[in-house]
Amino acid sequence: MLGLFANSAFAQSPAEFINDASAKGMADIEASRLAHQKSESKEVKDYTIVVINDRTTANQHLAKIAKQLDLPVAPREEVVDKAKALMPEVKDGASFDQAYTASQVKTTQEAIEQLQQVAQTTDVPQIKAFAEETLPKLQNHLEMARALQASR
């Protein structure tokens, strides 16, 4: 999702952060849409709805921040291409659910690390507020994904 920050958060400009976080959010949304379609598990489907709603709201907020700050943002096609590259490999049935939940645990942990880092290091109030507002939602996603993973 937002998971590549362990290496890149220190050097990211606000525009780079917004583009990166948006692409990861979009990847999370698309992976969750696919999971919603492919999964036969009610629990997985319920989880995907939470992720899709929260990540869509977060991406809309990032777009608003970019506009407020007059930041250059990557063209939508570039963000979509990056999102596709971040999506987990597609499997079927129970193995799909296992792959999806494992991917969600990993990418959500990475997203949390990224947001914690940006919250501590950014000097842009809007980005700091975004990170602080989004962290509890991602922590909730992580708890839910871990519970799903444990039940598979």
N, C-alpha and C. Protein backbone atom coordinates (compact mmCIF):
# COMPACT_ATOMS: atom_id res chain seq x y z
N MET A 1 0.83 -1.15 0.00
CA MET A 1 0.00 0.00 0.00
C MET A 1 0.87 1.21 0.00
N LEU A 2 1.19 1.70 1.16
CA LEU A 2 2.10 2.83 1.21
C LEU A 2 3.47 2.31 1.59
N GLY A 3 3.76 1.11 1.35
CA GLY A 3 4.80 0.39 1.99
C GLY A 3 6.20 0.57 1.56
N LEU A 4 6.61 1.56 0.89
CA LEU A 4 7.99 1.59 0.46
C LEU A 4 8.74 2.69 1.16
N PHE A 5 8.23 3.08 2.30
CA PHE A 5 8.80 4.25 2.93
C PHE A 5 9.97 3.97 3.80
N ALA A 6 10.18 2.75 4.14
CA ALA A 6 11.31 2.49 5.02
C ALA A 6 12.56 3.07 4.40
N ASN A 7 12.68 3.01 3.08
CA ASN A 7 13.87 3.51 2.42
C ASN A 7 13.71 4.93 1.93
N SER A 8 12.51 5.30 1.51
CA SER A 8 12.37 6.54 0.77
C SER A 8 11.79 7.70 1.56
N ALA A 9 11.24 7.47 2.73
CA ALA A 9 10.54 8.54 3.44
C ALA A 9 11.46 9.70 3.79
N PHE A 10 12.70 9.40 4.10
CA PHE A 10 13.60 10.46 4.54
C PHE A 10 13.85 11.48 3.45
N ALA A 11 13.82 11.05 2.20
CA ALA A 11 14.21 11.94 1.12
C ALA A 11 13.03 12.44 0.30
N GLN A 12 11.83 12.15 0.72
CA GLN A 12 10.67 12.51 -0.10
C GLN A 12 10.25 13.95 0.09
N SER A 13 10.02 14.61 -1.04
CA SER A 13 9.42 15.93 -1.00
C SER A 13 7.92 15.74 -0.75
N PRO A 14 7.20 16.81 -0.41
CA PRO A 14 5.74 16.67 -0.25
C PRO A 14 5.07 16.10 -1.50
N ALA A 15 5.48 16.55 -2.68
CA ALA A 15 4.87 16.04 -3.92
C ALA A 15 5.19 14.55 -4.10
N GLU A 16 6.42 14.15 -3.80
CA GLU A 16 6.79 12.73 -3.92
C GLU A 16 5.98 11.89 -2.93
N PHE A 17 5.83 12.39 -1.71
CA PHE A 17 5.04 11.67 -0.72
C PHE A 17 3.61 11.50 -1.22
N ILE A 18 2.99 12.57 -1.70
CA ILE A 18 1.60 12.50 -2.15
C ILE A 18 1.46 11.54 -3.32
N ASN A 19 2.37 11.61 -4.29
CA ASN A 19 2.29 10.71 -5.44
C ASN A 19 2.49 9.26 -5.01
N ASP A 20 3.46 9.02 -4.16
CA ASP A 20 3.76 7.66 -3.69
C ASP A 20 2.59 7.11 -2.87
N ALA A 21 2.13 7.90 -1.92
CA ALA A 21 1.03 7.46 -1.06
C ALA A 21 -0.25 7.25 -1.88
N SER A 22 -0.49 8.09 -2.86
CA SER A 22 -1.67 7.94 -3.72
C SER A 22 -1.60 6.65 -4.52
N ALA A 23 -0.43 6.36 -5.09
CA ALA A 23 -0.27 5.13 -5.87
C ALA A 23 -0.47 3.90 -4.99
N LYS A 24 0.09 3.94 -3.80
CA LYS A 24 -0.04 2.80 -2.89
C LYS A 24 -1.49 2.65 -2.43
N GLY A 25 -2.15 3.78 -2.18
CA GLY A 25 -3.56 3.73 -1.81
C GLY A 25 -4.40 3.16 -2.93
N MET A 26 -4.10 3.58 -4.17
CA MET A 26 -4.84 3.08 -5.32
C MET A 26 -4.60 1.57 -5.49
N ALA A 27 -3.37 1.13 -5.28
CA ALA A 27 -3.07 -0.30 -5.38
C ALA A 27 -3.88 -1.07 -4.33
N ASP A 28 -3.96 -0.51 -3.14
CA ASP A 28 -4.72 -1.14 -2.07
C ASP A 28 -6.21 -1.21 -2.43
N ILE A 29 -6.72 -0.14 -2.99
CA ILE A 29 -8.13 -0.11 -3.41
C ILE A 29 -8.38 -1.16 -4.48
N GLU A 30 -7.53 -1.20 -5.50
CA GLU A 30 -7.74 -2.15 -6.60
C GLU A 30 -7.58 -3.59 -6.14
N ALA A 31 -6.59 -3.87 -5.30
CA ALA A 31 -6.41 -5.22 -4.76
C ALA A 31 -7.63 -5.62 -3.94
N SER A 32 -8.17 -4.66 -3.19
CA SER A 32 -9.34 -4.94 -2.35
C SER A 32 -10.59 -5.13 -3.19
N ARG A 33 -10.72 -4.39 -4.28
CA ARG A 33 -11.86 -4.60 -5.19
C ARG A 33 -11.80 -6.01 -5.78
N LEU A 34 -10.60 -6.39 -6.21
CA LEU A 34 -10.41 -7.73 -6.76
C LEU A 34 -10.74 -8.79 -5.70
N ALA A 35 -10.27 -8.58 -4.49
CA ALA A 35 -10.54 -9.53 -3.40
C ALA A 35 -12.04 -9.60 -3.13
N HIS A 36 -12.71 -8.46 -3.20
CA HIS A 36 -14.15 -8.45 -2.96
C HIS A 36 -14.86 -9.32 -4.01
N GLN A 37 -14.38 -9.26 -5.25
CA GLN A 37 -14.99 -10.05 -6.33
C GLN A 37 -14.64 -11.54 -6.22
N LYS A 38 -13.40 -11.85 -5.90
CA LYS A 38 -12.91 -13.23 -5.95
C LYS A 38 -13.14 -14.03 -4.67
N SER A 39 -13.16 -13.37 -3.55
CA SER A 39 -13.25 -14.10 -2.28
C SER A 39 -14.65 -14.66 -2.07
N GLU A 40 -14.68 -15.80 -1.41
CA GLU A 40 -15.96 -16.39 -1.02
C GLU A 40 -16.20 -16.18 0.47
N SER A 41 -15.26 -15.53 1.14
CA SER A 41 -15.34 -15.32 2.58
C SER A 41 -16.05 -14.01 2.90
N LYS A 42 -17.10 -14.08 3.71
CA LYS A 42 -17.81 -12.87 4.12
C LYS A 42 -16.87 -11.94 4.88
N GLU A 43 -16.01 -12.51 5.73
CA GLU A 43 -15.09 -11.69 6.53
C GLU A 43 -14.13 -10.92 5.64
N VAL A 44 -13.60 -11.59 4.61
CA VAL A 44 -12.69 -10.91 3.68
C VAL A 44 -13.45 -9.82 2.93
N LYS A 45 -14.65 -10.13 2.46
CA LYS A 45 -15.44 -9.13 1.73
C LYS A 45 -15.75 -7.92 2.62
N ASP A 46 -16.10 -8.17 3.87
CA ASP A 46 -16.37 -7.06 4.80
C ASP A 46 -15.13 -6.19 4.98
N TYR A 47 -13.98 -6.84 5.12
CA TYR A 47 -12.72 -6.12 5.28
C TYR A 47 -12.43 -5.26 4.04
N THR A 48 -12.67 -5.82 2.86
CA THR A 48 -12.36 -5.07 1.63
C THR A 48 -13.18 -3.79 1.55
N ILE A 49 -14.41 -3.83 2.01
CA ILE A 49 -15.26 -2.63 1.97
C ILE A 49 -14.67 -1.53 2.85
N VAL A 50 -14.21 -1.89 4.04
CA VAL A 50 -13.58 -0.92 4.95
C VAL A 50 -12.35 -0.31 4.28
N VAL A 51 -11.50 -1.17 3.71
CA VAL A 51 -10.27 -0.69 3.07
C VAL A 51 -10.60 0.23 1.90
N ILE A 52 -11.50 -0.20 1.03
CA ILE A 52 -11.85 0.61 -0.15
C ILE A 52 -12.37 1.98 0.29
N ASN A 53 -13.27 2.01 1.25
CA ASN A 53 -13.84 3.28 1.70
C ASN A 53 -12.78 4.18 2.33
N ASP A 54 -11.99 3.63 3.25
CA ASP A 54 -10.98 4.45 3.94
C ASP A 54 -9.90 4.93 2.99
N ARG A 55 -9.43 4.06 2.09
CA ARG A 55 -8.35 4.45 1.19
C ARG A 55 -8.84 5.44 0.14
N THR A 56 -10.09 5.31 -0.30
CA THR A 56 -10.64 6.27 -1.25
C THR A 56 -10.70 7.65 -0.60
N THR A 57 -11.19 7.71 0.63
CA THR A 57 -11.24 8.97 1.36
C THR A 57 -9.84 9.55 1.53
N ALA A 58 -8.87 8.71 1.88
CA ALA A 58 -7.48 9.18 2.06
C ALA A 58 -6.92 9.72 0.76
N ASN A 59 -7.15 9.03 -0.35
CA ASN A 59 -6.63 9.52 -1.63
C ASN A 59 -7.29 10.83 -2.05
N GLN A 60 -8.57 10.98 -1.76
CA GLN A 60 -9.24 12.25 -2.05
C GLN A 60 -8.63 13.37 -1.22
N HIS A 61 -8.31 13.06 0.03
CA HIS A 61 -7.69 14.04 0.92
C HIS A 61 -6.31 14.42 0.41
N LEU A 62 -5.53 13.44 -0.05
CA LEU A 62 -4.20 13.73 -0.60
C LEU A 62 -4.30 14.63 -1.83
N ALA A 63 -5.28 14.37 -2.69
CA ALA A 63 -5.46 15.21 -3.88
C ALA A 63 -5.80 16.64 -3.48
N LYS A 64 -6.62 16.78 -2.45
CA LYS A 64 -6.99 18.11 -1.96
C LYS A 64 -5.77 18.84 -1.40
N ILE A 65 -4.93 18.13 -0.65
CA ILE A 65 -3.71 18.73 -0.10
C ILE A 65 -2.79 19.17 -1.23
N ALA A 66 -2.63 18.32 -2.23
CA ALA A 66 -1.76 18.67 -3.37
C ALA A 66 -2.25 19.95 -4.04
N LYS A 67 -3.57 20.05 -4.18
CA LYS A 67 -4.14 21.25 -4.82
C LYS A 67 -3.92 22.48 -3.93
N GLN A 68 -4.17 22.35 -2.62
CA GLN A 68 -3.97 23.47 -1.69
C GLN A 68 -2.54 23.98 -1.71
N LEU A 69 -1.60 23.04 -1.80
CA LEU A 69 -0.18 23.40 -1.75
C LEU A 69 0.39 23.70 -3.14
N ASP A 70 -0.46 23.59 -4.15
CA ASP A 70 -0.05 23.82 -5.53
C ASP A 70 1.16 22.94 -5.89
N LEU A 71 1.05 21.66 -5.52
CA LEU A 71 2.14 20.72 -5.78
C LEU A 71 1.94 20.03 -7.12
N PRO A 72 3.04 19.79 -7.81
CA PRO A 72 2.92 19.00 -9.03
C PRO A 72 2.65 17.55 -8.65
N VAL A 73 1.68 16.96 -9.27
CA VAL A 73 1.39 15.56 -8.99
C VAL A 73 1.52 14.76 -10.28
N ALA A 74 1.83 13.50 -10.12
CA ALA A 74 2.00 12.62 -11.28
C ALA A 74 0.68 12.51 -12.03
N PRO A 75 0.78 12.37 -13.36
CA PRO A 75 -0.44 12.14 -14.14
C PRO A 75 -1.13 10.86 -13.66
N ARG A 76 -2.44 10.83 -13.77
CA ARG A 76 -3.22 9.68 -13.29
C ARG A 76 -2.69 8.36 -13.87
N GLU A 77 -2.33 8.36 -15.16
CA GLU A 77 -1.85 7.12 -15.79
C GLU A 77 -0.60 6.61 -15.08
N GLU A 78 0.28 7.53 -14.71
CA GLU A 78 1.51 7.14 -14.02
C GLU A 78 1.19 6.53 -12.65
N VAL A 79 0.24 7.13 -11.95
CA VAL A 79 -0.16 6.61 -10.64
C VAL A 79 -0.81 5.24 -10.80
N VAL A 80 -1.64 5.08 -11.83
CA VAL A 80 -2.29 3.80 -12.09
C VAL A 80 -1.25 2.73 -12.42
N ASP A 81 -0.26 3.07 -13.24
CA ASP A 81 0.80 2.11 -13.59
C ASP A 81 1.56 1.68 -12.34
N LYS A 82 1.88 2.64 -11.49
CA LYS A 82 2.60 2.33 -10.25
C LYS A 82 1.73 1.45 -9.35
N ALA A 83 0.45 1.77 -9.27
CA ALA A 83 -0.48 0.99 -8.45
C ALA A 83 -0.54 -0.46 -8.94
N LYS A 84 -0.62 -0.65 -10.26
CA LYS A 84 -0.69 -2.01 -10.81
C LYS A 84 0.56 -2.81 -10.45
N ALA A 85 1.70 -2.16 -10.47
CA ALA A 85 2.96 -2.84 -10.15
C ALA A 85 3.00 -3.27 -8.68
N LEU A 86 2.26 -2.59 -7.83
CA LEU A 86 2.27 -2.88 -6.39
C LEU A 86 1.25 -3.93 -5.98
N MET A 87 0.33 -4.29 -6.88
CA MET A 87 -0.73 -5.23 -6.51
C MET A 87 -0.20 -6.65 -6.36
N PRO A 88 -0.78 -7.41 -5.41
CA PRO A 88 -0.33 -8.80 -5.22
C PRO A 88 -0.71 -9.67 -6.41
N GLU A 89 0.04 -10.75 -6.56
CA GLU A 89 -0.24 -11.72 -7.62
C GLU A 89 -1.61 -12.34 -7.38
N VAL A 90 -2.36 -12.52 -8.47
CA VAL A 90 -3.72 -13.05 -8.37
C VAL A 90 -3.69 -14.58 -8.28
N LYS A 91 -4.41 -15.10 -7.32
CA LYS A 91 -4.58 -16.55 -7.16
C LYS A 91 -6.08 -16.81 -7.10
N ASP A 92 -6.46 -18.04 -6.81
CA ASP A 92 -7.89 -18.36 -6.73
C ASP A 92 -8.25 -18.97 -5.39
N GLY A 93 -9.53 -18.85 -5.03
CA GLY A 93 -10.08 -19.51 -3.85
C GLY A 93 -9.38 -19.14 -2.56
N ALA A 94 -9.21 -20.16 -1.71
CA ALA A 94 -8.60 -19.95 -0.39
C ALA A 94 -7.18 -19.43 -0.53
N SER A 95 -6.46 -19.88 -1.56
CA SER A 95 -5.09 -19.39 -1.73
C SER A 95 -5.10 -17.90 -2.07
N PHE A 96 -6.15 -17.45 -2.76
CA PHE A 96 -6.27 -16.01 -3.03
C PHE A 96 -6.46 -15.26 -1.71
N ASP A 97 -7.36 -15.73 -0.88
CA ASP A 97 -7.60 -15.07 0.41
C ASP A 97 -6.32 -15.02 1.24
N GLN A 98 -5.57 -16.12 1.25
CA GLN A 98 -4.31 -16.15 2.00
C GLN A 98 -3.32 -15.14 1.43
N ALA A 99 -3.19 -15.11 0.10
CA ALA A 99 -2.25 -14.17 -0.53
C ALA A 99 -2.69 -12.73 -0.27
N TYR A 100 -3.98 -12.48 -0.38
CA TYR A 100 -4.50 -11.13 -0.17
C TYR A 100 -4.27 -10.68 1.27
N THR A 101 -4.63 -11.52 2.24
CA THR A 101 -4.48 -11.09 3.64
C THR A 101 -3.01 -10.94 4.00
N ALA A 102 -2.14 -11.81 3.49
CA ALA A 102 -0.70 -11.67 3.76
C ALA A 102 -0.18 -10.37 3.16
N SER A 103 -0.63 -10.06 1.95
CA SER A 103 -0.23 -8.81 1.30
C SER A 103 -0.74 -7.60 2.09
N GLN A 104 -1.96 -7.69 2.58
CA GLN A 104 -2.53 -6.59 3.36
C GLN A 104 -1.75 -6.34 4.64
N VAL A 105 -1.36 -7.41 5.33
CA VAL A 105 -0.57 -7.24 6.55
C VAL A 105 0.74 -6.53 6.21
N LYS A 106 1.43 -7.01 5.19
CA LYS A 106 2.73 -6.45 4.82
C LYS A 106 2.61 -4.99 4.38
N THR A 107 1.71 -4.73 3.43
CA THR A 107 1.63 -3.37 2.89
C THR A 107 1.07 -2.39 3.91
N THR A 108 0.19 -2.85 4.78
CA THR A 108 -0.36 -1.95 5.80
C THR A 108 0.70 -1.61 6.83
N GLN A 109 1.52 -2.59 7.20
CA GLN A 109 2.64 -2.30 8.12
C GLN A 109 3.57 -1.25 7.50
N GLU A 110 3.86 -1.42 6.22
CA GLU A 110 4.74 -0.47 5.53
C GLU A 110 4.10 0.92 5.46
N ALA A 111 2.79 0.96 5.21
CA ALA A 111 2.08 2.24 5.15
C ALA A 111 2.12 2.94 6.50
N ILE A 112 1.94 2.18 7.57
CA ILE A 112 1.99 2.75 8.92
C ILE A 112 3.37 3.33 9.19
N GLU A 113 4.41 2.58 8.83
CA GLU A 113 5.78 3.07 9.02
C GLU A 113 6.01 4.37 8.26
N GLN A 114 5.52 4.41 7.03
CA GLN A 114 5.68 5.61 6.21
C GLN A 114 4.98 6.80 6.86
N LEU A 115 3.75 6.61 7.28
CA LEU A 115 3.00 7.72 7.87
C LEU A 115 3.60 8.16 9.20
N GLN A 116 4.08 7.22 9.99
CA GLN A 116 4.73 7.59 11.25
C GLN A 116 5.97 8.44 10.95
N GLN A 117 6.73 8.03 9.95
CA GLN A 117 7.94 8.77 9.58
C GLN A 117 7.59 10.17 9.09
N VAL A 118 6.62 10.27 8.20
CA VAL A 118 6.28 11.58 7.64
C VAL A 118 5.67 12.47 8.71
N ALA A 119 4.90 11.89 9.63
CA ALA A 119 4.31 12.69 10.72
C ALA A 119 5.40 13.31 11.59
N GLN A 120 6.50 12.58 11.76
CA GLN A 120 7.60 13.07 12.60
C GLN A 120 8.53 14.04 11.88
N THR A 121 8.61 13.92 10.56
CA THR A 121 9.65 14.68 9.85
C THR A 121 9.14 15.81 8.97
N THR A 122 7.88 15.79 8.58
CA THR A 122 7.41 16.82 7.65
C THR A 122 7.28 18.17 8.35
N ASP A 123 7.50 19.21 7.57
CA ASP A 123 7.26 20.55 8.09
C ASP A 123 6.03 21.16 7.40
N VAL A 124 5.25 20.31 6.74
CA VAL A 124 4.04 20.75 6.06
C VAL A 124 2.85 20.36 6.93
N PRO A 125 2.17 21.34 7.54
CA PRO A 125 1.08 21.02 8.49
C PRO A 125 -0.02 20.13 7.91
N GLN A 126 -0.38 20.36 6.64
CA GLN A 126 -1.45 19.56 6.04
C GLN A 126 -1.06 18.09 5.92
N ILE A 127 0.21 17.84 5.59
CA ILE A 127 0.67 16.46 5.46
C ILE A 127 0.78 15.81 6.83
N LYS A 128 1.26 16.56 7.80
CA LYS A 128 1.34 16.04 9.18
C LYS A 128 -0.06 15.68 9.68
N ALA A 129 -1.03 16.56 9.45
CA ALA A 129 -2.40 16.30 9.88
C ALA A 129 -2.97 15.07 9.16
N PHE A 130 -2.70 14.96 7.86
CA PHE A 130 -3.15 13.80 7.10
C PHE A 130 -2.59 12.51 7.70
N ALA A 131 -1.30 12.51 7.97
CA ALA A 131 -0.66 11.31 8.53
C ALA A 131 -1.27 10.95 9.88
N GLU A 132 -1.43 11.95 10.73
CA GLU A 132 -1.97 11.69 12.07
C GLU A 132 -3.43 11.24 12.02
N GLU A 133 -4.17 11.73 11.05
CA GLU A 133 -5.58 11.35 10.89
C GLU A 133 -5.72 9.96 10.29
N THR A 134 -4.80 9.60 9.40
CA THR A 134 -4.89 8.33 8.67
C THR A 134 -4.32 7.16 9.46
N LEU A 135 -3.35 7.41 10.32
CA LEU A 135 -2.70 6.34 11.08
C LEU A 135 -3.68 5.44 11.84
N PRO A 136 -4.63 5.98 12.60
CA PRO A 136 -5.54 5.08 13.34
C PRO A 136 -6.35 4.16 12.41
N LYS A 137 -6.72 4.67 11.23
CA LYS A 137 -7.47 3.84 10.28
C LYS A 137 -6.59 2.70 9.78
N LEU A 138 -5.34 3.01 9.46
CA LEU A 138 -4.44 1.97 8.98
C LEU A 138 -4.12 0.96 10.09
N GLN A 139 -4.01 1.45 11.32
CA GLN A 139 -3.77 0.53 12.43
C GLN A 139 -4.96 -0.42 12.60
N ASN A 140 -6.16 0.09 12.39
CA ASN A 140 -7.36 -0.74 12.42
C ASN A 140 -7.32 -1.76 11.28
N HIS A 141 -6.94 -1.32 10.07
CA HIS A 141 -6.82 -2.24 8.93
C HIS A 141 -5.84 -3.36 9.26
N LEU A 142 -4.72 -2.99 9.88
CA LEU A 142 -3.69 -3.98 10.21
C LEU A 142 -4.23 -5.02 11.20
N GLU A 143 -4.92 -4.56 12.23
CA GLU A 143 -5.51 -5.49 13.20
C GLU A 143 -6.50 -6.43 12.51
N MET A 144 -7.33 -5.87 11.64
CA MET A 144 -8.31 -6.69 10.92
C MET A 144 -7.62 -7.69 9.99
N ALA A 145 -6.60 -7.23 9.27
CA ALA A 145 -5.88 -8.11 8.34
C ALA A 145 -5.17 -9.23 9.09
N ARG A 146 -4.58 -8.91 10.22
CA ARG A 146 -3.91 -9.95 11.03
C ARG A 146 -4.93 -10.99 11.51
N ALA A 147 -6.10 -10.54 11.93
CA ALA A 147 -7.14 -11.46 12.38
C ALA A 147 -7.60 -12.36 11.22
N LEU A 148 -7.76 -11.77 10.04
CA LEU A 148 -8.14 -12.56 8.86
C LEU A 148 -7.05 -13.57 8.53
N GLN A 149 -5.81 -13.12 8.58
CA GLN A 149 -4.68 -14.00 8.26
C GLN A 149 -4.64 -15.18 9.24
N ALA A 150 -4.87 -14.91 10.49
CA ALA A 150 -4.83 -15.96 11.52
C ALA A 150 -5.96 -16.97 11.33
N SER A 151 -7.06 -16.52 10.75
CA SER A 151 -8.23 -17.40 10.58
C SER A 151 -8.18 -18.20 9.28
N ARG A 152 -7.22 -17.95 8.44
CA ARG A 152 -7.14 -18.65 7.15
C ARG A 152 -6.44 -19.97 7.29
